[in-house]
Amino acid sequence: RRGDHMLRYAAEDDFGAPETAFNVC
């Protein structure tokens, strides 16, 4: 959780760490 929003995951993937929240999450 990032404030009022949610990441799908915080671990790095093929393109690095996610920078935005995934709305459905």
PDBML (XML) file of the C-alpha atoms, coordinates in Angstrom:
<?xml version="1.0" encoding="UTF-8" ?>
<PDBx:datablock datablockName="MODEL"
   xmlns:PDBx="http://pdbml.pdb.org/schema/pdbx-v50.xsd"
   xmlns:xsi="http://www.w3.org/2001/XMLSchema-instance"
   xsi:schemaLocation="http://pdbml.pdb.org/schema/pdbx-v50.xsd pdbx-v50.xsd">
   <PDBx:atom_siteCategory>
      <PDBx:atom_site id="1">
         <PDBx:B_iso_or_equiv>0.00</PDBx:B_iso_or_equiv>
         <PDBx:Cartn_x>0.000</PDBx:Cartn_x>
         <PDBx:Cartn_y>0.000</PDBx:Cartn_y>
         <PDBx:Cartn_z>0.000</PDBx:Cartn_z>
         <PDBx:auth_asym_id>A</PDBx:auth_asym_id>
         <PDBx:auth_atom_id>CA</PDBx:auth_atom_id>
         <PDBx:auth_comp_id>ARG</PDBx:auth_comp_id>
         <PDBx:auth_seq_id>1</PDBx:auth_seq_id>
         <PDBx:group_PDB>ATOM</PDBx:group_PDB>
         <PDBx:label_alt_id xsi:nil="true" />
         <PDBx:label_asym_id>A</PDBx:label_asym_id>
         <PDBx:label_atom_id>CA</PDBx:label_atom_id>
         <PDBx:label_comp_id>ARG</PDBx:label_comp_id>
         <PDBx:label_entity_id>1</PDBx:label_entity_id>
         <PDBx:label_seq_id>1</PDBx:label_seq_id>
         <PDBx:occupancy>1.00</PDBx:occupancy>
         <PDBx:pdbx_PDB_model_num>1</PDBx:pdbx_PDB_model_num>
         <PDBx:type_symbol>C</PDBx:type_symbol>
      </PDBx:atom_site>
      <PDBx:atom_site id="2">
         <PDBx:B_iso_or_equiv>0.00</PDBx:B_iso_or_equiv>
         <PDBx:Cartn_x>1.173</PDBx:Cartn_x>
         <PDBx:Cartn_y>3.493</PDBx:Cartn_y>
         <PDBx:Cartn_z>-0.919</PDBx:Cartn_z>
         <PDBx:auth_asym_id>A</PDBx:auth_asym_id>
         <PDBx:auth_atom_id>CA</PDBx:auth_atom_id>
         <PDBx:auth_comp_id>ARG</PDBx:auth_comp_id>
         <PDBx:auth_seq_id>2</PDBx:auth_seq_id>
         <PDBx:group_PDB>ATOM</PDBx:group_PDB>
         <PDBx:label_alt_id xsi:nil="true" />
         <PDBx:label_asym_id>A</PDBx:label_asym_id>
         <PDBx:label_atom_id>CA</PDBx:label_atom_id>
         <PDBx:label_comp_id>ARG</PDBx:label_comp_id>
         <PDBx:label_entity_id>1</PDBx:label_entity_id>
         <PDBx:label_seq_id>2</PDBx:label_seq_id>
         <PDBx:occupancy>1.00</PDBx:occupancy>
         <PDBx:pdbx_PDB_model_num>1</PDBx:pdbx_PDB_model_num>
         <PDBx:type_symbol>C</PDBx:type_symbol>
      </PDBx:atom_site>
      <PDBx:atom_site id="3">
         <PDBx:B_iso_or_equiv>0.00</PDBx:B_iso_or_equiv>
         <PDBx:Cartn_x>-1.159</PDBx:Cartn_x>
         <PDBx:Cartn_y>5.948</PDBx:Cartn_y>
         <PDBx:Cartn_z>0.791</PDBx:Cartn_z>
         <PDBx:auth_asym_id>A</PDBx:auth_asym_id>
         <PDBx:auth_atom_id>CA</PDBx:auth_atom_id>
         <PDBx:auth_comp_id>GLY</PDBx:auth_comp_id>
         <PDBx:auth_seq_id>3</PDBx:auth_seq_id>
         <PDBx:group_PDB>ATOM</PDBx:group_PDB>
         <PDBx:label_alt_id xsi:nil="true" />
         <PDBx:label_asym_id>A</PDBx:label_asym_id>
         <PDBx:label_atom_id>CA</PDBx:label_atom_id>
         <PDBx:label_comp_id>GLY</PDBx:label_comp_id>
         <PDBx:label_entity_id>1</PDBx:label_entity_id>
         <PDBx:label_seq_id>3</PDBx:label_seq_id>
         <PDBx:occupancy>1.00</PDBx:occupancy>
         <PDBx:pdbx_PDB_model_num>1</PDBx:pdbx_PDB_model_num>
         <PDBx:type_symbol>C</PDBx:type_symbol>
      </PDBx:atom_site>
      <PDBx:atom_site id="4">
         <PDBx:B_iso_or_equiv>0.00</PDBx:B_iso_or_equiv>
         <PDBx:Cartn_x>-4.537</PDBx:Cartn_x>
         <PDBx:Cartn_y>5.559</PDBx:Cartn_y>
         <PDBx:Cartn_z>-0.889</PDBx:Cartn_z>
         <PDBx:auth_asym_id>A</PDBx:auth_asym_id>
         <PDBx:auth_atom_id>CA</PDBx:auth_atom_id>
         <PDBx:auth_comp_id>ASP</PDBx:auth_comp_id>
         <PDBx:auth_seq_id>4</PDBx:auth_seq_id>
         <PDBx:group_PDB>ATOM</PDBx:group_PDB>
         <PDBx:label_alt_id xsi:nil="true" />
         <PDBx:label_asym_id>A</PDBx:label_asym_id>
         <PDBx:label_atom_id>CA</PDBx:label_atom_id>
         <PDBx:label_comp_id>ASP</PDBx:label_comp_id>
         <PDBx:label_entity_id>1</PDBx:label_entity_id>
         <PDBx:label_seq_id>4</PDBx:label_seq_id>
         <PDBx:occupancy>1.00</PDBx:occupancy>
         <PDBx:pdbx_PDB_model_num>1</PDBx:pdbx_PDB_model_num>
         <PDBx:type_symbol>C</PDBx:type_symbol>
      </PDBx:atom_site>
      <PDBx:atom_site id="5">
         <PDBx:B_iso_or_equiv>0.00</PDBx:B_iso_or_equiv>
         <PDBx:Cartn_x>-3.199</PDBx:Cartn_x>
         <PDBx:Cartn_y>3.287</PDBx:Cartn_y>
         <PDBx:Cartn_z>-3.623</PDBx:Cartn_z>
         <PDBx:auth_asym_id>A</PDBx:auth_asym_id>
         <PDBx:auth_atom_id>CA</PDBx:auth_atom_id>
         <PDBx:auth_comp_id>HIS</PDBx:auth_comp_id>
         <PDBx:auth_seq_id>5</PDBx:auth_seq_id>
         <PDBx:group_PDB>ATOM</PDBx:group_PDB>
         <PDBx:label_alt_id xsi:nil="true" />
         <PDBx:label_asym_id>A</PDBx:label_asym_id>
         <PDBx:label_atom_id>CA</PDBx:label_atom_id>
         <PDBx:label_comp_id>HIS</PDBx:label_comp_id>
         <PDBx:label_entity_id>1</PDBx:label_entity_id>
         <PDBx:label_seq_id>5</PDBx:label_seq_id>
         <PDBx:occupancy>1.00</PDBx:occupancy>
         <PDBx:pdbx_PDB_model_num>1</PDBx:pdbx_PDB_model_num>
         <PDBx:type_symbol>C</PDBx:type_symbol>
      </PDBx:atom_site>
      <PDBx:atom_site id="6">
         <PDBx:B_iso_or_equiv>0.00</PDBx:B_iso_or_equiv>
         <PDBx:Cartn_x>-1.837</PDBx:Cartn_x>
         <PDBx:Cartn_y>-0.192</PDBx:Cartn_y>
         <PDBx:Cartn_z>-4.143</PDBx:Cartn_z>
         <PDBx:auth_asym_id>A</PDBx:auth_asym_id>
         <PDBx:auth_atom_id>CA</PDBx:auth_atom_id>
         <PDBx:auth_comp_id>MET</PDBx:auth_comp_id>
         <PDBx:auth_seq_id>6</PDBx:auth_seq_id>
         <PDBx:group_PDB>ATOM</PDBx:group_PDB>
         <PDBx:label_alt_id xsi:nil="true" />
         <PDBx:label_asym_id>A</PDBx:label_asym_id>
         <PDBx:label_atom_id>CA</PDBx:label_atom_id>
         <PDBx:label_comp_id>MET</PDBx:label_comp_id>
         <PDBx:label_entity_id>1</PDBx:label_entity_id>
         <PDBx:label_seq_id>6</PDBx:label_seq_id>
         <PDBx:occupancy>1.00</PDBx:occupancy>
         <PDBx:pdbx_PDB_model_num>1</PDBx:pdbx_PDB_model_num>
         <PDBx:type_symbol>C</PDBx:type_symbol>
      </PDBx:atom_site>
      <PDBx:atom_site id="7">
         <PDBx:B_iso_or_equiv>0.00</PDBx:B_iso_or_equiv>
         <PDBx:Cartn_x>1.089</PDBx:Cartn_x>
         <PDBx:Cartn_y>-1.641</PDBx:Cartn_y>
         <PDBx:Cartn_z>-6.067</PDBx:Cartn_z>
         <PDBx:auth_asym_id>A</PDBx:auth_asym_id>
         <PDBx:auth_atom_id>CA</PDBx:auth_atom_id>
         <PDBx:auth_comp_id>LEU</PDBx:auth_comp_id>
         <PDBx:auth_seq_id>7</PDBx:auth_seq_id>
         <PDBx:group_PDB>ATOM</PDBx:group_PDB>
         <PDBx:label_alt_id xsi:nil="true" />
         <PDBx:label_asym_id>A</PDBx:label_asym_id>
         <PDBx:label_atom_id>CA</PDBx:label_atom_id>
         <PDBx:label_comp_id>LEU</PDBx:label_comp_id>
         <PDBx:label_entity_id>1</PDBx:label_entity_id>
         <PDBx:label_seq_id>7</PDBx:label_seq_id>
         <PDBx:occupancy>1.00</PDBx:occupancy>
         <PDBx:pdbx_PDB_model_num>1</PDBx:pdbx_PDB_model_num>
         <PDBx:type_symbol>C</PDBx:type_symbol>
      </PDBx:atom_site>
      <PDBx:atom_site id="8">
         <PDBx:B_iso_or_equiv>0.00</PDBx:B_iso_or_equiv>
         <PDBx:Cartn_x>0.662</PDBx:Cartn_x>
         <PDBx:Cartn_y>-5.016</PDBx:Cartn_y>
         <PDBx:Cartn_z>-7.750</PDBx:Cartn_z>
         <PDBx:auth_asym_id>A</PDBx:auth_asym_id>
         <PDBx:auth_atom_id>CA</PDBx:auth_atom_id>
         <PDBx:auth_comp_id>ARG</PDBx:auth_comp_id>
         <PDBx:auth_seq_id>8</PDBx:auth_seq_id>
         <PDBx:group_PDB>ATOM</PDBx:group_PDB>
         <PDBx:label_alt_id xsi:nil="true" />
         <PDBx:label_asym_id>A</PDBx:label_asym_id>
         <PDBx:label_atom_id>CA</PDBx:label_atom_id>
         <PDBx:label_comp_id>ARG</PDBx:label_comp_id>
         <PDBx:label_entity_id>1</PDBx:label_entity_id>
         <PDBx:label_seq_id>8</PDBx:label_seq_id>
         <PDBx:occupancy>1.00</PDBx:occupancy>
         <PDBx:pdbx_PDB_model_num>1</PDBx:pdbx_PDB_model_num>
         <PDBx:type_symbol>C</PDBx:type_symbol>
      </PDBx:atom_site>
      <PDBx:atom_site id="9">
         <PDBx:B_iso_or_equiv>0.00</PDBx:B_iso_or_equiv>
         <PDBx:Cartn_x>4.063</PDBx:Cartn_x>
         <PDBx:Cartn_y>-5.958</PDBx:Cartn_y>
         <PDBx:Cartn_z>-6.293</PDBx:Cartn_z>
         <PDBx:auth_asym_id>A</PDBx:auth_asym_id>
         <PDBx:auth_atom_id>CA</PDBx:auth_atom_id>
         <PDBx:auth_comp_id>TYR</PDBx:auth_comp_id>
         <PDBx:auth_seq_id>9</PDBx:auth_seq_id>
         <PDBx:group_PDB>ATOM</PDBx:group_PDB>
         <PDBx:label_alt_id xsi:nil="true" />
         <PDBx:label_asym_id>A</PDBx:label_asym_id>
         <PDBx:label_atom_id>CA</PDBx:label_atom_id>
         <PDBx:label_comp_id>TYR</PDBx:label_comp_id>
         <PDBx:label_entity_id>1</PDBx:label_entity_id>
         <PDBx:label_seq_id>9</PDBx:label_seq_id>
         <PDBx:occupancy>1.00</PDBx:occupancy>
         <PDBx:pdbx_PDB_model_num>1</PDBx:pdbx_PDB_model_num>
         <PDBx:type_symbol>C</PDBx:type_symbol>
      </PDBx:atom_site>
      <PDBx:atom_site id="10">
         <PDBx:B_iso_or_equiv>0.00</PDBx:B_iso_or_equiv>
         <PDBx:Cartn_x>7.090</PDBx:Cartn_x>
         <PDBx:Cartn_y>-4.039</PDBx:Cartn_y>
         <PDBx:Cartn_z>-5.041</PDBx:Cartn_z>
         <PDBx:auth_asym_id>A</PDBx:auth_asym_id>
         <PDBx:auth_atom_id>CA</PDBx:auth_atom_id>
         <PDBx:auth_comp_id>ALA</PDBx:auth_comp_id>
         <PDBx:auth_seq_id>10</PDBx:auth_seq_id>
         <PDBx:group_PDB>ATOM</PDBx:group_PDB>
         <PDBx:label_alt_id xsi:nil="true" />
         <PDBx:label_asym_id>A</PDBx:label_asym_id>
         <PDBx:label_atom_id>CA</PDBx:label_atom_id>
         <PDBx:label_comp_id>ALA</PDBx:label_comp_id>
         <PDBx:label_entity_id>1</PDBx:label_entity_id>
         <PDBx:label_seq_id>10</PDBx:label_seq_id>
         <PDBx:occupancy>1.00</PDBx:occupancy>
         <PDBx:pdbx_PDB_model_num>1</PDBx:pdbx_PDB_model_num>
         <PDBx:type_symbol>C</PDBx:type_symbol>
      </PDBx:atom_site>
      <PDBx:atom_site id="11">
         <PDBx:B_iso_or_equiv>0.00</PDBx:B_iso_or_equiv>
         <PDBx:Cartn_x>9.805</PDBx:Cartn_x>
         <PDBx:Cartn_y>-6.436</PDBx:Cartn_y>
         <PDBx:Cartn_z>-6.180</PDBx:Cartn_z>
         <PDBx:auth_asym_id>A</PDBx:auth_asym_id>
         <PDBx:auth_atom_id>CA</PDBx:auth_atom_id>
         <PDBx:auth_comp_id>ALA</PDBx:auth_comp_id>
         <PDBx:auth_seq_id>11</PDBx:auth_seq_id>
         <PDBx:group_PDB>ATOM</PDBx:group_PDB>
         <PDBx:label_alt_id xsi:nil="true" />
         <PDBx:label_asym_id>A</PDBx:label_asym_id>
         <PDBx:label_atom_id>CA</PDBx:label_atom_id>
         <PDBx:label_comp_id>ALA</PDBx:label_comp_id>
         <PDBx:label_entity_id>1</PDBx:label_entity_id>
         <PDBx:label_seq_id>11</PDBx:label_seq_id>
         <PDBx:occupancy>1.00</PDBx:occupancy>
         <PDBx:pdbx_PDB_model_num>1</PDBx:pdbx_PDB_model_num>
         <PDBx:type_symbol>C</PDBx:type_symbol>
      </PDBx:atom_site>
      <PDBx:atom_site id="12">
         <PDBx:B_iso_or_equiv>0.00</PDBx:B_iso_or_equiv>
         <PDBx:Cartn_x>11.838</PDBx:Cartn_x>
         <PDBx:Cartn_y>-5.552</PDBx:Cartn_y>
         <PDBx:Cartn_z>-9.258</PDBx:Cartn_z>
         <PDBx:auth_asym_id>A</PDBx:auth_asym_id>
         <PDBx:auth_atom_id>CA</PDBx:auth_atom_id>
         <PDBx:auth_comp_id>GLU</PDBx:auth_comp_id>
         <PDBx:auth_seq_id>12</PDBx:auth_seq_id>
         <PDBx:group_PDB>ATOM</PDBx:group_PDB>
         <PDBx:label_alt_id xsi:nil="true" />
         <PDBx:label_asym_id>A</PDBx:label_asym_id>
         <PDBx:label_atom_id>CA</PDBx:label_atom_id>
         <PDBx:label_comp_id>GLU</PDBx:label_comp_id>
         <PDBx:label_entity_id>1</PDBx:label_entity_id>
         <PDBx:label_seq_id>12</PDBx:label_seq_id>
         <PDBx:occupancy>1.00</PDBx:occupancy>
         <PDBx:pdbx_PDB_model_num>1</PDBx:pdbx_PDB_model_num>
         <PDBx:type_symbol>C</PDBx:type_symbol>
      </PDBx:atom_site>
      <PDBx:atom_site id="13">
         <PDBx:B_iso_or_equiv>0.00</PDBx:B_iso_or_equiv>
         <PDBx:Cartn_x>10.714</PDBx:Cartn_x>
         <PDBx:Cartn_y>-7.112</PDBx:Cartn_y>
         <PDBx:Cartn_z>-12.513</PDBx:Cartn_z>
         <PDBx:auth_asym_id>A</PDBx:auth_asym_id>
         <PDBx:auth_atom_id>CA</PDBx:auth_atom_id>
         <PDBx:auth_comp_id>ASP</PDBx:auth_comp_id>
         <PDBx:auth_seq_id>13</PDBx:auth_seq_id>
         <PDBx:group_PDB>ATOM</PDBx:group_PDB>
         <PDBx:label_alt_id xsi:nil="true" />
         <PDBx:label_asym_id>A</PDBx:label_asym_id>
         <PDBx:label_atom_id>CA</PDBx:label_atom_id>
         <PDBx:label_comp_id>ASP</PDBx:label_comp_id>
         <PDBx:label_entity_id>1</PDBx:label_entity_id>
         <PDBx:label_seq_id>13</PDBx:label_seq_id>
         <PDBx:occupancy>1.00</PDBx:occupancy>
         <PDBx:pdbx_PDB_model_num>1</PDBx:pdbx_PDB_model_num>
         <PDBx:type_symbol>C</PDBx:type_symbol>
      </PDBx:atom_site>
      <PDBx:atom_site id="14">
         <PDBx:B_iso_or_equiv>0.00</PDBx:B_iso_or_equiv>
         <PDBx:Cartn_x>12.015</PDBx:Cartn_x>
         <PDBx:Cartn_y>-7.154</PDBx:Cartn_y>
         <PDBx:Cartn_z>-16.099</PDBx:Cartn_z>
         <PDBx:auth_asym_id>A</PDBx:auth_asym_id>
         <PDBx:auth_atom_id>CA</PDBx:auth_atom_id>
         <PDBx:auth_comp_id>ASP</PDBx:auth_comp_id>
         <PDBx:auth_seq_id>14</PDBx:auth_seq_id>
         <PDBx:group_PDB>ATOM</PDBx:group_PDB>
         <PDBx:label_alt_id xsi:nil="true" />
         <PDBx:label_asym_id>A</PDBx:label_asym_id>
         <PDBx:label_atom_id>CA</PDBx:label_atom_id>
         <PDBx:label_comp_id>ASP</PDBx:label_comp_id>
         <PDBx:label_entity_id>1</PDBx:label_entity_id>
         <PDBx:label_seq_id>14</PDBx:label_seq_id>
         <PDBx:occupancy>1.00</PDBx:occupancy>
         <PDBx:pdbx_PDB_model_num>1</PDBx:pdbx_PDB_model_num>
         <PDBx:type_symbol>C</PDBx:type_symbol>
      </PDBx:atom_site>
      <PDBx:atom_site id="15">
         <PDBx:B_iso_or_equiv>0.00</PDBx:B_iso_or_equiv>
         <PDBx:Cartn_x>11.921</PDBx:Cartn_x>
         <PDBx:Cartn_y>-3.325</PDBx:Cartn_y>
         <PDBx:Cartn_z>-16.226</PDBx:Cartn_z>
         <PDBx:auth_asym_id>A</PDBx:auth_asym_id>
         <PDBx:auth_atom_id>CA</PDBx:auth_atom_id>
         <PDBx:auth_comp_id>PHE</PDBx:auth_comp_id>
         <PDBx:auth_seq_id>15</PDBx:auth_seq_id>
         <PDBx:group_PDB>ATOM</PDBx:group_PDB>
         <PDBx:label_alt_id xsi:nil="true" />
         <PDBx:label_asym_id>A</PDBx:label_asym_id>
         <PDBx:label_atom_id>CA</PDBx:label_atom_id>
         <PDBx:label_comp_id>PHE</PDBx:label_comp_id>
         <PDBx:label_entity_id>1</PDBx:label_entity_id>
         <PDBx:label_seq_id>15</PDBx:label_seq_id>
         <PDBx:occupancy>1.00</PDBx:occupancy>
         <PDBx:pdbx_PDB_model_num>1</PDBx:pdbx_PDB_model_num>
         <PDBx:type_symbol>C</PDBx:type_symbol>
      </PDBx:atom_site>
      <PDBx:atom_site id="16">
         <PDBx:B_iso_or_equiv>0.00</PDBx:B_iso_or_equiv>
         <PDBx:Cartn_x>12.985</PDBx:Cartn_x>
         <PDBx:Cartn_y>-2.503</PDBx:Cartn_y>
         <PDBx:Cartn_z>-12.663</PDBx:Cartn_z>
         <PDBx:auth_asym_id>A</PDBx:auth_asym_id>
         <PDBx:auth_atom_id>CA</PDBx:auth_atom_id>
         <PDBx:auth_comp_id>GLY</PDBx:auth_comp_id>
         <PDBx:auth_seq_id>16</PDBx:auth_seq_id>
         <PDBx:group_PDB>ATOM</PDBx:group_PDB>
         <PDBx:label_alt_id xsi:nil="true" />
         <PDBx:label_asym_id>A</PDBx:label_asym_id>
         <PDBx:label_atom_id>CA</PDBx:label_atom_id>
         <PDBx:label_comp_id>GLY</PDBx:label_comp_id>
         <PDBx:label_entity_id>1</PDBx:label_entity_id>
         <PDBx:label_seq_id>16</PDBx:label_seq_id>
         <PDBx:occupancy>1.00</PDBx:occupancy>
         <PDBx:pdbx_PDB_model_num>1</PDBx:pdbx_PDB_model_num>
         <PDBx:type_symbol>C</PDBx:type_symbol>
      </PDBx:atom_site>
      <PDBx:atom_site id="17">
         <PDBx:B_iso_or_equiv>0.00</PDBx:B_iso_or_equiv>
         <PDBx:Cartn_x>10.768</PDBx:Cartn_x>
         <PDBx:Cartn_y>-1.542</PDBx:Cartn_y>
         <PDBx:Cartn_z>-9.737</PDBx:Cartn_z>
         <PDBx:auth_asym_id>A</PDBx:auth_asym_id>
         <PDBx:auth_atom_id>CA</PDBx:auth_atom_id>
         <PDBx:auth_comp_id>ALA</PDBx:auth_comp_id>
         <PDBx:auth_seq_id>17</PDBx:auth_seq_id>
         <PDBx:group_PDB>ATOM</PDBx:group_PDB>
         <PDBx:label_alt_id xsi:nil="true" />
         <PDBx:label_asym_id>A</PDBx:label_asym_id>
         <PDBx:label_atom_id>CA</PDBx:label_atom_id>
         <PDBx:label_comp_id>ALA</PDBx:label_comp_id>
         <PDBx:label_entity_id>1</PDBx:label_entity_id>
         <PDBx:label_seq_id>17</PDBx:label_seq_id>
         <PDBx:occupancy>1.00</PDBx:occupancy>
         <PDBx:pdbx_PDB_model_num>1</PDBx:pdbx_PDB_model_num>
         <PDBx:type_symbol>C</PDBx:type_symbol>
      </PDBx:atom_site>
      <PDBx:atom_site id="18">
         <PDBx:B_iso_or_equiv>0.00</PDBx:B_iso_or_equiv>
         <PDBx:Cartn_x>7.151</PDBx:Cartn_x>
         <PDBx:Cartn_y>-0.519</PDBx:Cartn_y>
         <PDBx:Cartn_z>-10.539</PDBx:Cartn_z>
         <PDBx:auth_asym_id>A</PDBx:auth_asym_id>
         <PDBx:auth_atom_id>CA</PDBx:auth_atom_id>
         <PDBx:auth_comp_id>PRO</PDBx:auth_comp_id>
         <PDBx:auth_seq_id>18</PDBx:auth_seq_id>
         <PDBx:group_PDB>ATOM</PDBx:group_PDB>
         <PDBx:label_alt_id xsi:nil="true" />
         <PDBx:label_asym_id>A</PDBx:label_asym_id>
         <PDBx:label_atom_id>CA</PDBx:label_atom_id>
         <PDBx:label_comp_id>PRO</PDBx:label_comp_id>
         <PDBx:label_entity_id>1</PDBx:label_entity_id>
         <PDBx:label_seq_id>18</PDBx:label_seq_id>
         <PDBx:occupancy>1.00</PDBx:occupancy>
         <PDBx:pdbx_PDB_model_num>1</PDBx:pdbx_PDB_model_num>
         <PDBx:type_symbol>C</PDBx:type_symbol>
      </PDBx:atom_site>
      <PDBx:atom_site id="19">
         <PDBx:B_iso_or_equiv>0.00</PDBx:B_iso_or_equiv>
         <PDBx:Cartn_x>6.694</PDBx:Cartn_x>
         <PDBx:Cartn_y>3.259</PDBx:Cartn_y>
         <PDBx:Cartn_z>-10.464</PDBx:Cartn_z>
         <PDBx:auth_asym_id>A</PDBx:auth_asym_id>
         <PDBx:auth_atom_id>CA</PDBx:auth_atom_id>
         <PDBx:auth_comp_id>GLU</PDBx:auth_comp_id>
         <PDBx:auth_seq_id>19</PDBx:auth_seq_id>
         <PDBx:group_PDB>ATOM</PDBx:group_PDB>
         <PDBx:label_alt_id xsi:nil="true" />
         <PDBx:label_asym_id>A</PDBx:label_asym_id>
         <PDBx:label_atom_id>CA</PDBx:label_atom_id>
         <PDBx:label_comp_id>GLU</PDBx:label_comp_id>
         <PDBx:label_entity_id>1</PDBx:label_entity_id>
         <PDBx:label_seq_id>19</PDBx:label_seq_id>
         <PDBx:occupancy>1.00</PDBx:occupancy>
         <PDBx:pdbx_PDB_model_num>1</PDBx:pdbx_PDB_model_num>
         <PDBx:type_symbol>C</PDBx:type_symbol>
      </PDBx:atom_site>
      <PDBx:atom_site id="20">
         <PDBx:B_iso_or_equiv>0.00</PDBx:B_iso_or_equiv>
         <PDBx:Cartn_x>2.890</PDBx:Cartn_x>
         <PDBx:Cartn_y>3.494</PDBx:Cartn_y>
         <PDBx:Cartn_z>-10.506</PDBx:Cartn_z>
         <PDBx:auth_asym_id>A</PDBx:auth_asym_id>
         <PDBx:auth_atom_id>CA</PDBx:auth_atom_id>
         <PDBx:auth_comp_id>THR</PDBx:auth_comp_id>
         <PDBx:auth_seq_id>20</PDBx:auth_seq_id>
         <PDBx:group_PDB>ATOM</PDBx:group_PDB>
         <PDBx:label_alt_id xsi:nil="true" />
         <PDBx:label_asym_id>A</PDBx:label_asym_id>
         <PDBx:label_atom_id>CA</PDBx:label_atom_id>
         <PDBx:label_comp_id>THR</PDBx:label_comp_id>
         <PDBx:label_entity_id>1</PDBx:label_entity_id>
         <PDBx:label_seq_id>20</PDBx:label_seq_id>
         <PDBx:occupancy>1.00</PDBx:occupancy>
         <PDBx:pdbx_PDB_model_num>1</PDBx:pdbx_PDB_model_num>
         <PDBx:type_symbol>C</PDBx:type_symbol>
      </PDBx:atom_site>
      <PDBx:atom_site id="21">
         <PDBx:B_iso_or_equiv>0.00</PDBx:B_iso_or_equiv>
         <PDBx:Cartn_x>-0.020</PDBx:Cartn_x>
         <PDBx:Cartn_y>1.967</PDBx:Cartn_y>
         <PDBx:Cartn_z>-8.648</PDBx:Cartn_z>
         <PDBx:auth_asym_id>A</PDBx:auth_asym_id>
         <PDBx:auth_atom_id>CA</PDBx:auth_atom_id>
         <PDBx:auth_comp_id>ALA</PDBx:auth_comp_id>
         <PDBx:auth_seq_id>21</PDBx:auth_seq_id>
         <PDBx:group_PDB>ATOM</PDBx:group_PDB>
         <PDBx:label_alt_id xsi:nil="true" />
         <PDBx:label_asym_id>A</PDBx:label_asym_id>
         <PDBx:label_atom_id>CA</PDBx:label_atom_id>
         <PDBx:label_comp_id>ALA</PDBx:label_comp_id>
         <PDBx:label_entity_id>1</PDBx:label_entity_id>
         <PDBx:label_seq_id>21</PDBx:label_seq_id>
         <PDBx:occupancy>1.00</PDBx:occupancy>
         <PDBx:pdbx_PDB_model_num>1</PDBx:pdbx_PDB_model_num>
         <PDBx:type_symbol>C</PDBx:type_symbol>
      </PDBx:atom_site>
      <PDBx:atom_site id="22">
         <PDBx:B_iso_or_equiv>0.00</PDBx:B_iso_or_equiv>
         <PDBx:Cartn_x>-2.103</PDBx:Cartn_x>
         <PDBx:Cartn_y>-0.612</PDBx:Cartn_y>
         <PDBx:Cartn_z>-10.488</PDBx:Cartn_z>
         <PDBx:auth_asym_id>A</PDBx:auth_asym_id>
         <PDBx:auth_atom_id>CA</PDBx:auth_atom_id>
         <PDBx:auth_comp_id>PHE</PDBx:auth_comp_id>
         <PDBx:auth_seq_id>22</PDBx:auth_seq_id>
         <PDBx:group_PDB>ATOM</PDBx:group_PDB>
         <PDBx:label_alt_id xsi:nil="true" />
         <PDBx:label_asym_id>A</PDBx:label_asym_id>
         <PDBx:label_atom_id>CA</PDBx:label_atom_id>
         <PDBx:label_comp_id>PHE</PDBx:label_comp_id>
         <PDBx:label_entity_id>1</PDBx:label_entity_id>
         <PDBx:label_seq_id>22</PDBx:label_seq_id>
         <PDBx:occupancy>1.00</PDBx:occupancy>
         <PDBx:pdbx_PDB_model_num>1</PDBx:pdbx_PDB_model_num>
         <PDBx:type_symbol>C</PDBx:type_symbol>
      </PDBx:atom_site>
      <PDBx:atom_site id="23">
         <PDBx:B_iso_or_equiv>0.00</PDBx:B_iso_or_equiv>
         <PDBx:Cartn_x>-5.683</PDBx:Cartn_x>
         <PDBx:Cartn_y>0.610</PDBx:Cartn_y>
         <PDBx:Cartn_z>-10.239</PDBx:Cartn_z>
         <PDBx:auth_asym_id>A</PDBx:auth_asym_id>
         <PDBx:auth_atom_id>CA</PDBx:auth_atom_id>
         <PDBx:auth_comp_id>ASN</PDBx:auth_comp_id>
         <PDBx:auth_seq_id>23</PDBx:auth_seq_id>
         <PDBx:group_PDB>ATOM</PDBx:group_PDB>
         <PDBx:label_alt_id xsi:nil="true" />
         <PDBx:label_asym_id>A</PDBx:label_asym_id>
         <PDBx:label_atom_id>CA</PDBx:label_atom_id>
         <PDBx:label_comp_id>ASN</PDBx:label_comp_id>
         <PDBx:label_entity_id>1</PDBx:label_entity_id>
         <PDBx:label_seq_id>23</PDBx:label_seq_id>
         <PDBx:occupancy>1.00</PDBx:occupancy>
         <PDBx:pdbx_PDB_model_num>1</PDBx:pdbx_PDB_model_num>
         <PDBx:type_symbol>C</PDBx:type_symbol>
      </PDBx:atom_site>
      <PDBx:atom_site id="24">
         <PDBx:B_iso_or_equiv>0.00</PDBx:B_iso_or_equiv>
         <PDBx:Cartn_x>-7.429</PDBx:Cartn_x>
         <PDBx:Cartn_y>-2.759</PDBx:Cartn_y>
         <PDBx:Cartn_z>-10.051</PDBx:Cartn_z>
         <PDBx:auth_asym_id>A</PDBx:auth_asym_id>
         <PDBx:auth_atom_id>CA</PDBx:auth_atom_id>
         <PDBx:auth_comp_id>VAL</PDBx:auth_comp_id>
         <PDBx:auth_seq_id>24</PDBx:auth_seq_id>
         <PDBx:group_PDB>ATOM</PDBx:group_PDB>
         <PDBx:label_alt_id xsi:nil="true" />
         <PDBx:label_asym_id>A</PDBx:label_asym_id>
         <PDBx:label_atom_id>CA</PDBx:label_atom_id>
         <PDBx:label_comp_id>VAL</PDBx:label_comp_id>
         <PDBx:label_entity_id>1</PDBx:label_entity_id>
         <PDBx:label_seq_id>24</PDBx:label_seq_id>
         <PDBx:occupancy>1.00</PDBx:occupancy>
         <PDBx:pdbx_PDB_model_num>1</PDBx:pdbx_PDB_model_num>
         <PDBx:type_symbol>C</PDBx:type_symbol>
      </PDBx:atom_site>
      <PDBx:atom_site id="25">
         <PDBx:B_iso_or_equiv>0.00</PDBx:B_iso_or_equiv>
         <PDBx:Cartn_x>-5.201</PDBx:Cartn_x>
         <PDBx:Cartn_y>-3.687</PDBx:Cartn_y>
         <PDBx:Cartn_z>-7.099</PDBx:Cartn_z>
         <PDBx:auth_asym_id>A</PDBx:auth_asym_id>
         <PDBx:auth_atom_id>CA</PDBx:auth_atom_id>
         <PDBx:auth_comp_id>CYS</PDBx:auth_comp_id>
         <PDBx:auth_seq_id>25</PDBx:auth_seq_id>
         <PDBx:group_PDB>ATOM</PDBx:group_PDB>
         <PDBx:label_alt_id xsi:nil="true" />
         <PDBx:label_asym_id>A</PDBx:label_asym_id>
         <PDBx:label_atom_id>CA</PDBx:label_atom_id>
         <PDBx:label_comp_id>CYS</PDBx:label_comp_id>
         <PDBx:label_entity_id>1</PDBx:label_entity_id>
         <PDBx:label_seq_id>25</PDBx:label_seq_id>
         <PDBx:occupancy>1.00</PDBx:occupancy>
         <PDBx:pdbx_PDB_model_num>1</PDBx:pdbx_PDB_model_num>
         <PDBx:type_symbol>C</PDBx:type_symbol>
      </PDBx:atom_site>
   </PDBx:atom_siteCategory>
</PDBx:datablock>
